[in-house]
Amino acid sequence: MPQSQIRSYSHTYIGVTYRCQRIKRGLTRTHISKSYVMTYVS
């Protein structure tokens, strides 16, 4: 595998990982607040 291909692959991987972490963090925050409301209501 050429060096440029490895570099572009790792760059893509880092971008995808970063996006997944941001989405996960947002989902976790929404999930926590949602479960908190559910617990509070019930």
Foldseek 3Di string as FASTA:
>chain_A
DDPVVVVVVVVVVVVVVVVVVVVVVVVVVVVVVVVVVVVVVD
